[in-house]
């Protein structure tokens, strides 16, 4: 029964990427972390339609005041609100579509910022040595945000060229296995992307073009590479593979919600690849029936996760469905239910 329920759930998920749905306006229940920008990407494959959602919901007090649990009207735009599908690369990146609304689930931005848990982090080519190069930080914080200039410790002598792009990484907390206590490595988070604007013999200046968290002195750079799209085409598996949630992308999170990224303790050595799907279950238990019989209740899937990126022994994953009030916590056990074809 468990495999049938999971198969039906994922079948519905994937069929939504193939068939158009009704173009009439629909509603969206606001979840923690939702923004109008992200909802416009999800429903229209275009972030700049966020104002259409705002205009259709005059009760919203402001774009930063979305109340979790409230409903938003997702309007029909030009007769084609939720049936738009994009499989190619455009100015918004490459999208892998999935979901009952043909919504872009795995954007290139999401794939490139997933991060990892590893004891073999990417090799730094440079470090950020100053974050206040332009001296615009009126609050005196030693951090940089999009539009700020930072100084790095390599220059023309190391082959640095103007307009070269780098990813900015930061080393986070140590991670130990929730069951065994074995040290798995550190969380390596993607803080942002920067582009060289000026260079001298031994140092350079870069502008922070994107930042997904604050950029600090000591963060390190690696050459930017674009992530390939993941075509989610999976089939049901027979053998079981359990994994455990070991850390969250958000360093301050105590639990994870839909569309959050987390890390698990299985990777390439366990045969995983991007696009594989895990479920977390509320496991069945014995119940005494009024008839006097003892019966075993069914295992019910309460959340689903899709693998974004892998190392040899760990993976990053996106929660794309939570069907329970129970959120995901570090130490939760999940099961592999579908493998990428």
C-alpha atoms as a PDB file:
ATOM      1  CA  UNK A   1       0.000   0.000   0.000  1.00  0.00           C
ATOM      2  CA  UNK A   2       2.885   2.339   0.805  1.00  0.00           C
ATOM      3  CA  UNK A   3       4.427   1.893  -2.621  1.00  0.00           C
ATOM      4  CA  UNK A   4       1.054   2.452  -4.319  1.00  0.00           C
ATOM      5  CA  UNK A   5       0.472   5.694  -2.400  1.00  0.00           C
ATOM      6  CA  UNK A   6       3.954   6.984  -3.201  1.00  0.00           C
ATOM      7  CA  UNK A   7       3.663   5.941  -6.844  1.00  0.00           C
ATOM      8  CA  UNK A   8       0.333   7.738  -7.186  1.00  0.00           C
ATOM      9  CA  UNK A   9       1.699  10.859  -5.511  1.00  0.00           C
ATOM     10  CA  UNK A  10       4.777  11.092  -7.704  1.00  0.00           C
ATOM     11  CA  UNK A  11       2.762  10.155 -10.832  1.00  0.00           C
ATOM     12  CA  UNK A  12       0.516  13.161 -10.193  1.00  0.00           C
ATOM     13  CA  UNK A  13       3.600  15.311  -9.526  1.00  0.00           C
ATOM     14  CA  UNK A  14       5.265  14.407 -12.802  1.00  0.00           C
ATOM     15  CA  UNK A  15       2.153  14.429 -14.977  1.00  0.00           C
ATOM     16  CA  UNK A  16       1.664  18.063 -14.014  1.00  0.00           C
ATOM     17  CA  UNK A  17       4.823  18.872 -15.981  1.00  0.00           C
ATOM     18  CA  UNK A  18       3.347  17.415 -19.154  1.00  0.00           C
ATOM     19  CA  UNK A  19      -0.303  18.396 -19.246  1.00  0.00           C
ATOM     20  CA  UNK A  20      -1.681  21.907 -18.979  1.00  0.00           C
ATOM     21  CA  UNK A  21      -4.125  22.651 -16.217  1.00  0.00           C
ATOM     22  CA  UNK A  22      -7.049  25.025 -16.119  1.00  0.00           C
ATOM     23  CA  UNK A  23      -6.165  28.587 -16.962  1.00  0.00           C
ATOM     24  CA  UNK A  24      -8.723  29.996 -14.548  1.00  0.00           C
ATOM     25  CA  UNK A  25      -7.487  31.895 -11.507  1.00  0.00           C
ATOM     26  CA  UNK A  26      -6.633  29.672  -8.563  1.00  0.00           C
ATOM     27  CA  UNK A  27      -5.576  30.183  -4.957  1.00  0.00           C
ATOM     28  CA  UNK A  28      -2.352  29.541  -3.087  1.00  0.00           C
ATOM     29  CA  UNK A  29      -2.086  28.899   0.646  1.00  0.00           C
ATOM     30  CA  UNK A  30       0.830  30.968   1.907  1.00  0.00           C
ATOM     31  CA  UNK A  31       3.627  28.952   3.500  1.00  0.00           C
ATOM     32  CA  UNK A  32       6.461  30.188   5.673  1.00  0.00           C
ATOM     33  CA  UNK A  33       9.169  31.657   3.456  1.00  0.00           C
ATOM     34  CA  UNK A  34       6.901  32.410   0.476  1.00  0.00           C
ATOM     35  CA  UNK A  35       7.537  35.638  -1.450  1.00  0.00           C
ATOM     36  CA  UNK A  36       5.605  37.159  -4.350  1.00  0.00           C
ATOM     37  CA  UNK A  37       8.760  36.914  -6.467  1.00  0.00           C
ATOM     38  CA  UNK A  38       9.058  33.153  -5.853  1.00  0.00           C
ATOM     39  CA  UNK A  39       5.330  32.589  -6.389  1.00  0.00           C
ATOM     40  CA  UNK A  40       5.519  34.371  -9.757  1.00  0.00           C
ATOM     41  CA  UNK A  41       8.342  32.019 -10.773  1.00  0.00           C
ATOM     42  CA  UNK A  42       6.384  29.021  -9.511  1.00  0.00           C
ATOM     43  CA  UNK A  43       3.140  29.774 -11.312  1.00  0.00           C
ATOM     44  CA  UNK A  44       4.205  31.779 -14.371  1.00  0.00           C
ATOM     45  CA  UNK A  45       7.902  30.925 -14.913  1.00  0.00           C
ATOM     46  CA  UNK A  46       8.531  34.675 -14.763  1.00  0.00           C
ATOM     47  CA  UNK A  47       9.434  36.504 -11.530  1.00  0.00           C
ATOM     48  CA  UNK A  48       8.342  39.880 -12.873  1.00  0.00           C
ATOM     49  CA  UNK A  49       4.681  38.855 -12.711  1.00  0.00           C
ATOM     50  CA  UNK A  50       4.787  39.323  -8.922  1.00  0.00           C
ATOM     51  CA  UNK A  51       2.957  42.642  -9.313  1.00  0.00           C
ATOM     52  CA  UNK A  52       0.047  40.857 -11.002  1.00  0.00           C
ATOM     53  CA  UNK A  53      -0.353  38.712  -7.888  1.00  0.00           C
ATOM     54  CA  UNK A  54      -0.096  41.806  -5.683  1.00  0.00           C
ATOM     55  CA  UNK A  55      -2.739  43.660  -7.705  1.00  0.00           C
ATOM     56  CA  UNK A  56      -5.092  40.661  -7.527  1.00  0.00           C
ATOM     57  CA  UNK A  57      -4.886  40.657  -3.719  1.00  0.00           C
ATOM     58  CA  UNK A  58      -5.682  44.169  -2.437  1.00  0.00           C
ATOM     59  CA  UNK A  59      -5.889  42.855   1.122  1.00  0.00           C
ATOM     60  CA  UNK A  60      -2.092  42.344   1.222  1.00  0.00           C
ATOM     61  CA  UNK A  61      -0.679  45.019   3.514  1.00  0.00           C
ATOM     62  CA  UNK A  62       2.708  44.950   1.784  1.00  0.00           C
ATOM     63  CA  UNK A  63       4.958  42.697  -0.267  1.00  0.00           C
ATOM     64  CA  UNK A  64       6.885  41.685   2.859  1.00  0.00           C
ATOM     65  CA  UNK A  65       3.745  40.970   4.895  1.00  0.00           C
ATOM     66  CA  UNK A  66       2.531  37.600   3.619  1.00  0.00           C
ATOM     67  CA  UNK A  67       0.733  35.833   6.429  1.00  0.00           C
ATOM     68  CA  UNK A  68       1.333  32.044   6.514  1.00  0.00           C
ATOM     69  CA  UNK A  69      -1.981  30.193   6.311  1.00  0.00           C
ATOM     70  CA  UNK A  70      -3.738  32.939   4.341  1.00  0.00           C
ATOM     71  CA  UNK A  71      -4.841  32.415   0.752  1.00  0.00           C
ATOM     72  CA  UNK A  72      -3.673  34.378  -2.271  1.00  0.00           C
ATOM     73  CA  UNK A  73      -5.485  34.649  -5.587  1.00  0.00           C
ATOM     74  CA  UNK A  74      -3.179  33.554  -8.417  1.00  0.00           C
ATOM     75  CA  UNK A  75      -4.697  35.389 -11.382  1.00  0.00           C
ATOM     76  CA  UNK A  76      -4.962  34.253 -14.962  1.00  0.00           C
ATOM     77  CA  UNK A  77      -2.469  36.235 -17.051  1.00  0.00           C
ATOM     78  CA  UNK A  78      -3.269  36.588 -20.734  1.00  0.00           C
ATOM     79  CA  UNK A  79      -5.352  33.427 -20.568  1.00  0.00           C
ATOM     80  CA  UNK A  80      -2.398  31.287 -19.550  1.00  0.00           C
ATOM     81  CA  UNK A  81      -1.746  31.522 -15.846  1.00  0.00           C
ATOM     82  CA  UNK A  82      -0.594  28.134 -14.617  1.00  0.00           C
ATOM     83  CA  UNK A  83      -0.096  26.110 -17.767  1.00  0.00           C
ATOM     84  CA  UNK A  84       3.114  27.786 -18.898  1.00  0.00           C
ATOM     85  CA  UNK A  85       5.986  25.317 -19.228  1.00  0.00           C
ATOM     86  CA  UNK A  86       9.609  26.196 -19.901  1.00  0.00           C
ATOM     87  CA  UNK A  87      12.196  23.519 -20.573  1.00  0.00           C
ATOM     88  CA  UNK A  88      14.902  25.698 -22.098  1.00  0.00           C
ATOM     89  CA  UNK A  89      17.320  28.350 -20.967  1.00  0.00           C
ATOM     90  CA  UNK A  90      16.130  31.936 -20.933  1.00  0.00           C
ATOM     91  CA  UNK A  91      17.065  35.033 -18.982  1.00  0.00           C
ATOM     92  CA  UNK A  92      15.654  33.450 -15.830  1.00  0.00           C
ATOM     93  CA  UNK A  93      17.730  30.262 -16.130  1.00  0.00           C
ATOM     94  CA  UNK A  94      16.869  26.663 -16.918  1.00  0.00           C
ATOM     95  CA  UNK A  95      13.912  25.114 -15.154  1.00  0.00           C
ATOM     96  CA  UNK A  96      12.913  21.552 -14.541  1.00  0.00           C
ATOM     97  CA  UNK A  97       9.146  21.633 -14.236  1.00  0.00           C
ATOM     98  CA  UNK A  98       7.154  19.446 -11.905  1.00  0.00           C
ATOM     99  CA  UNK A  99       4.029  19.731  -9.789  1.00  0.00           C
ATOM    100  CA  UNK A 100       0.310  19.881 -10.369  1.00  0.00           C
ATOM    101  CA  UNK A 101       0.563  23.475 -11.610  1.00  0.00           C
ATOM    102  CA  UNK A 102       3.474  22.881 -13.980  1.00  0.00           C
ATOM    103  CA  UNK A 103       5.460  25.063 -11.640  1.00  0.00           C
ATOM    104  CA  UNK A 104       9.260  25.341 -12.016  1.00  0.00           C
ATOM    105  CA  UNK A 105      10.570  23.188  -9.196  1.00  0.00           C
ATOM    106  CA  UNK A 106      14.311  23.088  -9.797  1.00  0.00           C
ATOM    107  CA  UNK A 107      15.541  26.447 -11.046  1.00  0.00           C
ATOM    108  CA  UNK A 108      19.185  26.865 -11.959  1.00  0.00           C
ATOM    109  CA  UNK A 109      19.518  29.347  -9.101  1.00  0.00           C
ATOM    110  CA  UNK A 110      18.311  26.725  -6.640  1.00  0.00           C
ATOM    111  CA  UNK A 111      20.750  24.125  -7.968  1.00  0.00           C
ATOM    112  CA  UNK A 112      23.714  26.488  -7.862  1.00  0.00           C
ATOM    113  CA  UNK A 113      23.079  27.592  -4.272  1.00  0.00           C
ATOM    114  CA  UNK A 114      22.291  24.229  -2.678  1.00  0.00           C
ATOM    115  CA  UNK A 115      25.637  23.858  -0.882  1.00  0.00           C
ATOM    116  CA  UNK A 116      26.857  20.616   0.655  1.00  0.00           C
ATOM    117  CA  UNK A 117      28.060  18.754   3.731  1.00  0.00           C
ATOM    118  CA  UNK A 118      31.574  17.457   3.128  1.00  0.00           C
ATOM    119  CA  UNK A 119      34.994  16.861   4.617  1.00  0.00           C
ATOM    120  CA  UNK A 120      36.519  17.702   1.204  1.00  0.00           C
ATOM    121  CA  UNK A 121      35.279  21.234   0.413  1.00  0.00           C
ATOM    122  CA  UNK A 122      35.980  22.993  -2.912  1.00  0.00           C
ATOM    123  CA  UNK A 123      39.542  24.292  -3.193  1.00  0.00           C
ATOM    124  CA  UNK A 124      39.660  28.086  -2.667  1.00  0.00           C
ATOM    125  CA  UNK A 125      41.339  30.173  -5.350  1.00  0.00           C
ATOM    126  CA  UNK A 126      40.990  33.374  -3.334  1.00  0.00           C
ATOM    127  CA  UNK A 127      39.712  34.821  -0.077  1.00  0.00           C
ATOM    128  CA  UNK A 128      37.722  37.986   0.640  1.00  0.00           C
ATOM    129  CA  UNK A 129      40.024  40.309   2.599  1.00  0.00           C
ATOM    130  CA  UNK A 130      37.803  43.413   2.867  1.00  0.00           C
ATOM    131  CA  UNK A 131      34.046  43.902   2.654  1.00  0.00           C
ATOM    132  CA  UNK A 132      33.863  47.707   2.980  1.00  0.00           C
ATOM    133  CA  UNK A 133      35.840  48.728  -0.108  1.00  0.00           C
ATOM    134  CA  UNK A 134      33.249  51.285  -1.208  1.00  0.00           C
ATOM    135  CA  UNK A 135      32.730  52.493   2.382  1.00  0.00           C
ATOM    136  CA  UNK A 136      28.951  52.562   1.973  1.00  0.00           C
ATOM    137  CA  UNK A 137      28.128  50.610   5.095  1.00  0.00           C
ATOM    138  CA  UNK A 138      26.703  53.337   7.320  1.00  0.00           C
ATOM    139  CA  UNK A 139      25.959  50.845  10.092  1.00  0.00           C
ATOM    140  CA  UNK A 140      29.582  49.748  10.362  1.00  0.00           C
ATOM    141  CA  UNK A 141      28.800  46.065   9.762  1.00  0.00           C
ATOM    142  CA  UNK A 142      31.706  44.091   8.338  1.00  0.00           C
ATOM    143  CA  UNK A 143      29.500  42.356   5.789  1.00  0.00           C
ATOM    144  CA  UNK A 144      28.667  42.805   2.117  1.00  0.00           C
ATOM    145  CA  UNK A 145      25.344  42.564   0.290  1.00  0.00           C
ATOM    146  CA  UNK A 146      24.355  42.745  -3.401  1.00  0.00           C
ATOM    147  CA  UNK A 147      25.880  45.842  -4.999  1.00  0.00           C
ATOM    148  CA  UNK A 148      28.714  46.135  -2.466  1.00  0.00           C
ATOM    149  CA  UNK A 149      32.385  45.981  -3.460  1.00  0.00           C
ATOM    150  CA  UNK A 150      34.785  43.519  -1.843  1.00  0.00           C
ATOM    151  CA  UNK A 151      38.551  43.088  -2.059  1.00  0.00           C
ATOM    152  CA  UNK A 152      40.114  39.687  -2.781  1.00  0.00           C
ATOM    153  CA  UNK A 153      43.687  38.472  -2.393  1.00  0.00           C
ATOM    154  CA  UNK A 154      44.554  37.560  -6.004  1.00  0.00           C
ATOM    155  CA  UNK A 155      45.191  39.754  -9.009  1.00  0.00           C
ATOM    156  CA  UNK A 156      46.865  39.992 -12.393  1.00  0.00           C
ATOM    157  CA  UNK A 157      49.850  37.932 -11.236  1.00  0.00           C
ATOM    158  CA  UNK A 158      47.436  35.038 -10.688  1.00  0.00           C
ATOM    159  CA  UNK A 159      45.693  35.509 -14.018  1.00  0.00           C
ATOM    160  CA  UNK A 160      42.641  37.401 -12.747  1.00  0.00           C
ATOM    161  CA  UNK A 161      40.742  39.260 -15.455  1.00  0.00           C
ATOM    162  CA  UNK A 162      38.005  41.893 -15.300  1.00  0.00           C
ATOM    163  CA  UNK A 163      34.454  40.445 -15.519  1.00  0.00           C
ATOM    164  CA  UNK A 164      35.544  37.003 -14.354  1.00  0.00           C
ATOM    165  CA  UNK A 165      32.845  35.528 -12.098  1.00  0.00           C
ATOM    166  CA  UNK A 166      33.290  33.557  -8.876  1.00  0.00           C
ATOM    167  CA  UNK A 167      31.057  31.776  -6.400  1.00  0.00           C
ATOM    168  CA  UNK A 168      31.434  32.840  -2.784  1.00  0.00           C
ATOM    169  CA  UNK A 169      31.527  30.002  -0.261  1.00  0.00           C
ATOM    170  CA  UNK A 170      31.508  30.045   3.520  1.00  0.00           C
ATOM    171  CA  UNK A 171      32.410  27.207   5.875  1.00  0.00           C
ATOM    172  CA  UNK A 172      29.706  26.472   8.428  1.00  0.00           C
ATOM    173  CA  UNK A 173      29.269  24.242  11.421  1.00  0.00           C
ATOM    174  CA  UNK A 174      30.558  20.697  11.874  1.00  0.00           C
ATOM    175  CA  UNK A 175      27.983  17.986  11.206  1.00  0.00           C
ATOM    176  CA  UNK A 176      27.847  14.668  13.024  1.00  0.00           C
ATOM    177  CA  UNK A 177      25.625  11.743  12.114  1.00  0.00           C
ATOM    178  CA  UNK A 178      22.464  11.882  14.250  1.00  0.00           C
ATOM    179  CA  UNK A 179      22.580   8.134  14.925  1.00  0.00           C
ATOM    180  CA  UNK A 180      26.290   7.263  15.172  1.00  0.00           C
ATOM    181  CA  UNK A 181      27.885  10.583  16.136  1.00  0.00           C
ATOM    182  CA  UNK A 182      30.507  10.153  13.391  1.00  0.00           C
ATOM    183  CA  UNK A 183      31.891  13.439  12.052  1.00  0.00           C
ATOM    184  CA  UNK A 184      30.677  13.887   8.447  1.00  0.00           C
ATOM    185  CA  UNK A 185      32.363  17.222   7.722  1.00  0.00           C
ATOM    186  CA  UNK A 186      31.178  20.823   7.643  1.00  0.00           C
ATOM    187  CA  UNK A 187      28.258  22.566   5.979  1.00  0.00           C
ATOM    188  CA  UNK A 188      29.614  24.480   2.975  1.00  0.00           C
ATOM    189  CA  UNK A 189      27.133  27.202   2.012  1.00  0.00           C
ATOM    190  CA  UNK A 190      27.001  29.331  -1.136  1.00  0.00           C
ATOM    191  CA  UNK A 191      26.925  32.922   0.078  1.00  0.00           C
ATOM    192  CA  UNK A 192      26.662  34.521  -3.355  1.00  0.00           C
ATOM    193  CA  UNK A 193      28.283  35.375  -6.677  1.00  0.00           C
ATOM    194  CA  UNK A 194      30.745  38.171  -7.429  1.00  0.00           C
ATOM    195  CA  UNK A 195      32.307  39.647 -10.593  1.00  0.00           C
ATOM    196  CA  UNK A 196      35.741  41.247 -10.919  1.00  0.00           C
ATOM    197  CA  UNK A 197      35.533  44.993 -11.638  1.00  0.00           C
ATOM    198  CA  UNK A 198      39.150  46.056 -11.162  1.00  0.00           C
ATOM    199  CA  UNK A 199      42.455  44.287 -10.690  1.00  0.00           C
ATOM    200  CA  UNK A 200      46.047  45.035  -9.714  1.00  0.00           C
ATOM    201  CA  UNK A 201      49.156  42.871  -9.451  1.00  0.00           C
ATOM    202  CA  UNK A 202      48.263  40.986  -6.266  1.00  0.00           C
ATOM    203  CA  UNK A 203      44.669  41.957  -5.416  1.00  0.00           C
ATOM    204  CA  UNK A 204      41.347  42.712  -7.069  1.00  0.00           C
ATOM    205  CA  UNK A 205      37.996  44.347  -6.432  1.00  0.00           C
ATOM    206  CA  UNK A 206      34.738  42.511  -7.124  1.00  0.00           C
ATOM    207  CA  UNK A 207      31.089  43.505  -6.975  1.00  0.00           C
ATOM    208  CA  UNK A 208      28.700  41.192  -5.155  1.00  0.00           C
ATOM    209  CA  UNK A 209      26.087  40.596  -7.861  1.00  0.00           C
ATOM    210  CA  UNK A 210      23.976  38.073  -5.954  1.00  0.00           C
ATOM    211  CA  UNK A 211      23.978  37.223  -2.259  1.00  0.00           C
ATOM    212  CA  UNK A 212      21.903  34.536  -0.586  1.00  0.00           C
ATOM    213  CA  UNK A 213      23.277  35.329   2.865  1.00  0.00           C
ATOM    214  CA  UNK A 214      25.700  37.923   4.211  1.00  0.00           C
ATOM    215  CA  UNK A 215      29.189  37.929   2.691  1.00  0.00           C
ATOM    216  CA  UNK A 216      32.029  38.205   5.230  1.00  0.00           C
ATOM    217  CA  UNK A 217      35.778  38.612   5.316  1.00  0.00           C
ATOM    218  CA  UNK A 218      37.334  35.157   5.185  1.00  0.00           C
ATOM    219  CA  UNK A 219      34.720  33.752   2.802  1.00  0.00           C
ATOM    220  CA  UNK A 220      36.441  32.124  -0.149  1.00  0.00           C
ATOM    221  CA  UNK A 221      36.009  32.078  -3.917  1.00  0.00           C
ATOM    222  CA  UNK A 222      35.905  29.325  -6.513  1.00  0.00           C
ATOM    223  CA  UNK A 223      35.443  29.822 -10.272  1.00  0.00           C
ATOM    224  CA  UNK A 224      31.785  30.011 -11.248  1.00  0.00           C
ATOM    225  CA  UNK A 225      30.294  27.137 -13.223  1.00  0.00           C
ATOM    226  CA  UNK A 226      26.685  26.926 -14.374  1.00  0.00           C
ATOM    227  CA  UNK A 227      24.643  24.006 -13.079  1.00  0.00           C
ATOM    228  CA  UNK A 228      22.936  21.789 -15.618  1.00  0.00           C
ATOM    229  CA  UNK A 229      19.158  21.370 -15.436  1.00  0.00           C
ATOM    230  CA  UNK A 230      17.803  18.154 -13.921  1.00  0.00           C
ATOM    231  CA  UNK A 231      15.133  16.423 -16.062  1.00  0.00           C
ATOM    232  CA  UNK A 232      13.046  14.692 -13.397  1.00  0.00           C
ATOM    233  CA  UNK A 233      12.133  11.328 -14.928  1.00  0.00           C
ATOM    234  CA  UNK A 234      11.909   8.695 -12.231  1.00  0.00           C
ATOM    235  CA  UNK A 235      10.699   5.158 -11.757  1.00  0.00           C
ATOM    236  CA  UNK A 236       9.611   3.314  -8.632  1.00  0.00           C
ATOM    237  CA  UNK A 237      12.260   1.275  -6.861  1.00  0.00           C
ATOM    238  CA  UNK A 238      11.967  -2.083  -5.159  1.00  0.00           C
ATOM    239  CA  UNK A 239      14.896  -2.125  -2.739  1.00  0.00           C
ATOM    240  CA  UNK A 240      14.833   0.217   0.246  1.00  0.00           C
ATOM    241  CA  UNK A 241      17.487   2.804   1.098  1.00  0.00           C
ATOM    242  CA  UNK A 242      17.147   4.762   4.315  1.00  0.00           C
ATOM    243  CA  UNK A 243      18.829   8.095   4.948  1.00  0.00           C
ATOM    244  CA  UNK A 244      18.871  10.655   7.739  1.00  0.00           C
ATOM    245  CA  UNK A 245      18.530  14.433   7.713  1.00  0.00           C
ATOM    246  CA  UNK A 246      21.842  15.795   9.018  1.00  0.00           C
ATOM    247  CA  UNK A 247      21.718  19.608   8.562  1.00  0.00           C
ATOM    248  CA  UNK A 248      19.793  22.532   7.052  1.00  0.00           C
ATOM    249  CA  UNK A 249      20.875  25.081   4.478  1.00  0.00           C
ATOM    250  CA  UNK A 250      19.562  27.831   6.774  1.00  0.00           C
ATOM    251  CA  UNK A 251      22.077  27.945   9.656  1.00  0.00           C
ATOM    252  CA  UNK A 252      19.445  29.347  12.049  1.00  0.00           C
ATOM    253  CA  UNK A 253      16.654  26.894  11.241  1.00  0.00           C
ATOM    254  CA  UNK A 254      15.419  24.400  13.823  1.00  0.00           C
ATOM    255  CA  UNK A 255      12.966  22.742  11.439  1.00  0.00           C
ATOM    256  CA  UNK A 256      12.378  22.737   7.692  1.00  0.00           C
ATOM    257  CA  UNK A 257       9.348  23.749   5.629  1.00  0.00           C
ATOM    258  CA  UNK A 258       8.252  23.207   2.028  1.00  0.00           C
ATOM    259  CA  UNK A 259      10.838  24.459  -0.486  1.00  0.00           C
ATOM    260  CA  UNK A 260      13.631  24.450   2.101  1.00  0.00           C
ATOM    261  CA  UNK A 261      16.969  22.815   1.290  1.00  0.00           C
ATOM    262  CA  UNK A 262      18.523  20.297   3.658  1.00  0.00           C
ATOM    263  CA  UNK A 263      21.329  17.739   3.698  1.00  0.00           C
ATOM    264  CA  UNK A 264      21.189  13.949   4.101  1.00  0.00           C
ATOM    265  CA  UNK A 265      23.782  11.301   4.911  1.00  0.00           C
ATOM    266  CA  UNK A 266      23.734   9.383   1.601  1.00  0.00           C
ATOM    267  CA  UNK A 267      25.415  10.277  -1.684  1.00  0.00           C
ATOM    268  CA  UNK A 268      27.080   8.871  -4.787  1.00  0.00           C
ATOM    269  CA  UNK A 269      28.558   5.903  -2.927  1.00  0.00           C
ATOM    270  CA  UNK A 270      24.982   4.773  -2.191  1.00  0.00           C
ATOM    271  CA  UNK A 271      24.014   5.100  -5.855  1.00  0.00           C
ATOM    272  CA  UNK A 272      22.142   8.393  -5.516  1.00  0.00           C
ATOM    273  CA  UNK A 273      21.942  10.968  -8.281  1.00  0.00           C
ATOM    274  CA  UNK A 274      20.177  14.319  -8.730  1.00  0.00           C
ATOM    275  CA  UNK A 275      16.454  13.809  -9.339  1.00  0.00           C
ATOM    276  CA  UNK A 276      16.048  10.829  -6.977  1.00  0.00           C
ATOM    277  CA  UNK A 277      13.056  11.181  -4.663  1.00  0.00           C
ATOM    278  CA  UNK A 278      12.768  10.352  -0.961  1.00  0.00           C
ATOM    279  CA  UNK A 279       9.719  10.262   1.298  1.00  0.00           C
ATOM    280  CA  UNK A 280       9.371  10.663   5.036  1.00  0.00           C
ATOM    281  CA  UNK A 281       6.640   8.491   6.530  1.00  0.00           C
ATOM    282  CA  UNK A 282       4.403   8.431   9.529  1.00  0.00           C
ATOM    283  CA  UNK A 283       4.921   4.761  10.225  1.00  0.00           C
ATOM    284  CA  UNK A 284       2.087   2.396  11.006  1.00  0.00           C
ATOM    285  CA  UNK A 285       1.564   0.899  14.423  1.00  0.00           C
ATOM    286  CA  UNK A 286      -0.555  -1.738  16.096  1.00  0.00           C
ATOM    287  CA  UNK A 287      -4.075  -0.720  17.125  1.00  0.00           C
ATOM    288  CA  UNK A 288      -6.618  -2.786  19.027  1.00  0.00           C
ATOM    289  CA  UNK A 289      -9.869  -2.837  17.038  1.00  0.00           C
ATOM    290  CA  UNK A 290     -13.275  -2.748  18.810  1.00  0.00           C
ATOM    291  CA  UNK A 291     -13.757  -6.188  17.277  1.00  0.00           C
ATOM    292  CA  UNK A 292     -10.960  -7.453  19.482  1.00  0.00           C
ATOM    293  CA  UNK A 293      -8.440  -7.875  16.664  1.00  0.00           C
ATOM    294  CA  UNK A 294      -5.017  -6.236  16.617  1.00  0.00           C
ATOM    295  CA  UNK A 295      -4.435  -4.488  13.281  1.00  0.00           C
ATOM    296  CA  UNK A 296      -1.426  -2.743  11.775  1.00  0.00           C
ATOM    297  CA  UNK A 297      -2.082   0.758  10.399  1.00  0.00           C
ATOM    298  CA  UNK A 298      -0.572   1.859   7.084  1.00  0.00           C
ATOM    299  CA  UNK A 299       2.643   3.811   6.569  1.00  0.00           C
ATOM    300  CA  UNK A 300       1.612   7.288   5.376  1.00  0.00           C
ATOM    301  CA  UNK A 301       4.005   9.548   3.405  1.00  0.00           C
ATOM    302  CA  UNK A 302       4.041  12.972   5.063  1.00  0.00           C
ATOM    303  CA  UNK A 303       6.765  14.743   3.076  1.00  0.00           C
ATOM    304  CA  UNK A 304       8.712  14.299  -0.148  1.00  0.00           C
ATOM    305  CA  UNK A 305      12.219  15.446  -1.044  1.00  0.00           C
ATOM    306  CA  UNK A 306      14.159  15.559  -4.313  1.00  0.00           C
ATOM    307  CA  UNK A 307      17.942  15.281  -4.562  1.00  0.00           C
ATOM    308  CA  UNK A 308      19.601  18.443  -5.922  1.00  0.00           C
ATOM    309  CA  UNK A 309      23.317  17.706  -5.761  1.00  0.00           C
ATOM    310  CA  UNK A 310      25.578  14.999  -4.366  1.00  0.00           C
ATOM    311  CA  UNK A 311      29.007  14.415  -2.894  1.00  0.00           C
ATOM    312  CA  UNK A 312      30.480  10.961  -2.396  1.00  0.00           C
ATOM    313  CA  UNK A 313      28.772  10.470   0.972  1.00  0.00           C
ATOM    314  CA  UNK A 314      26.109  13.207   1.335  1.00  0.00           C
ATOM    315  CA  UNK A 315      23.457  14.996  -0.731  1.00  0.00           C
ATOM    316  CA  UNK A 316      21.500  18.229  -0.732  1.00  0.00           C
ATOM    317  CA  UNK A 317      17.740  17.879  -1.155  1.00  0.00           C
ATOM    318  CA  UNK A 318      14.700  20.126  -1.596  1.00  0.00           C
ATOM    319  CA  UNK A 319      11.476  19.508   0.313  1.00  0.00           C
ATOM    320  CA  UNK A 320       8.743  19.836  -2.322  1.00  0.00           C
ATOM    321  CA  UNK A 321       5.788  18.511  -0.362  1.00  0.00           C
ATOM    322  CA  UNK A 322       4.692  18.397   3.271  1.00  0.00           C
ATOM    323  CA  UNK A 323       1.288  16.825   3.892  1.00  0.00           C
ATOM    324  CA  UNK A 324       1.355  17.054   7.671  1.00  0.00           C
ATOM    325  CA  UNK A 325       1.671  19.598  10.452  1.00  0.00           C
ATOM    326  CA  UNK A 326       4.838  17.727  11.464  1.00  0.00           C
ATOM    327  CA  UNK A 327       7.786  19.561   9.921  1.00  0.00           C
ATOM    328  CA  UNK A 328      11.181  18.071   9.098  1.00  0.00           C
ATOM    329  CA  UNK A 329      13.872  17.972  11.787  1.00  0.00           C
ATOM    330  CA  UNK A 330      17.515  16.989  11.928  1.00  0.00           C
ATOM    331  CA  UNK A 331      17.675  13.268  12.677  1.00  0.00           C
ATOM    332  CA  UNK A 332      14.472  12.372  10.802  1.00  0.00           C
ATOM    333  CA  UNK A 333      14.632   9.185   8.752  1.00  0.00           C
ATOM    334  CA  UNK A 334      13.602   9.187   5.091  1.00  0.00           C
ATOM    335  CA  UNK A 335      13.266   6.425   2.481  1.00  0.00           C
ATOM    336  CA  UNK A 336      14.239   6.383  -1.181  1.00  0.00           C
ATOM    337  CA  UNK A 337      11.050   5.778  -3.207  1.00  0.00           C
ATOM    338  CA  UNK A 338      11.901   6.701  -6.795  1.00  0.00           C
ATOM    339  CA  UNK A 339      15.138   6.611  -8.792  1.00  0.00           C
ATOM    340  CA  UNK A 340      16.142   8.870 -11.655  1.00  0.00           C
ATOM    341  CA  UNK A 341      15.936   6.963 -14.933  1.00  0.00           C
END
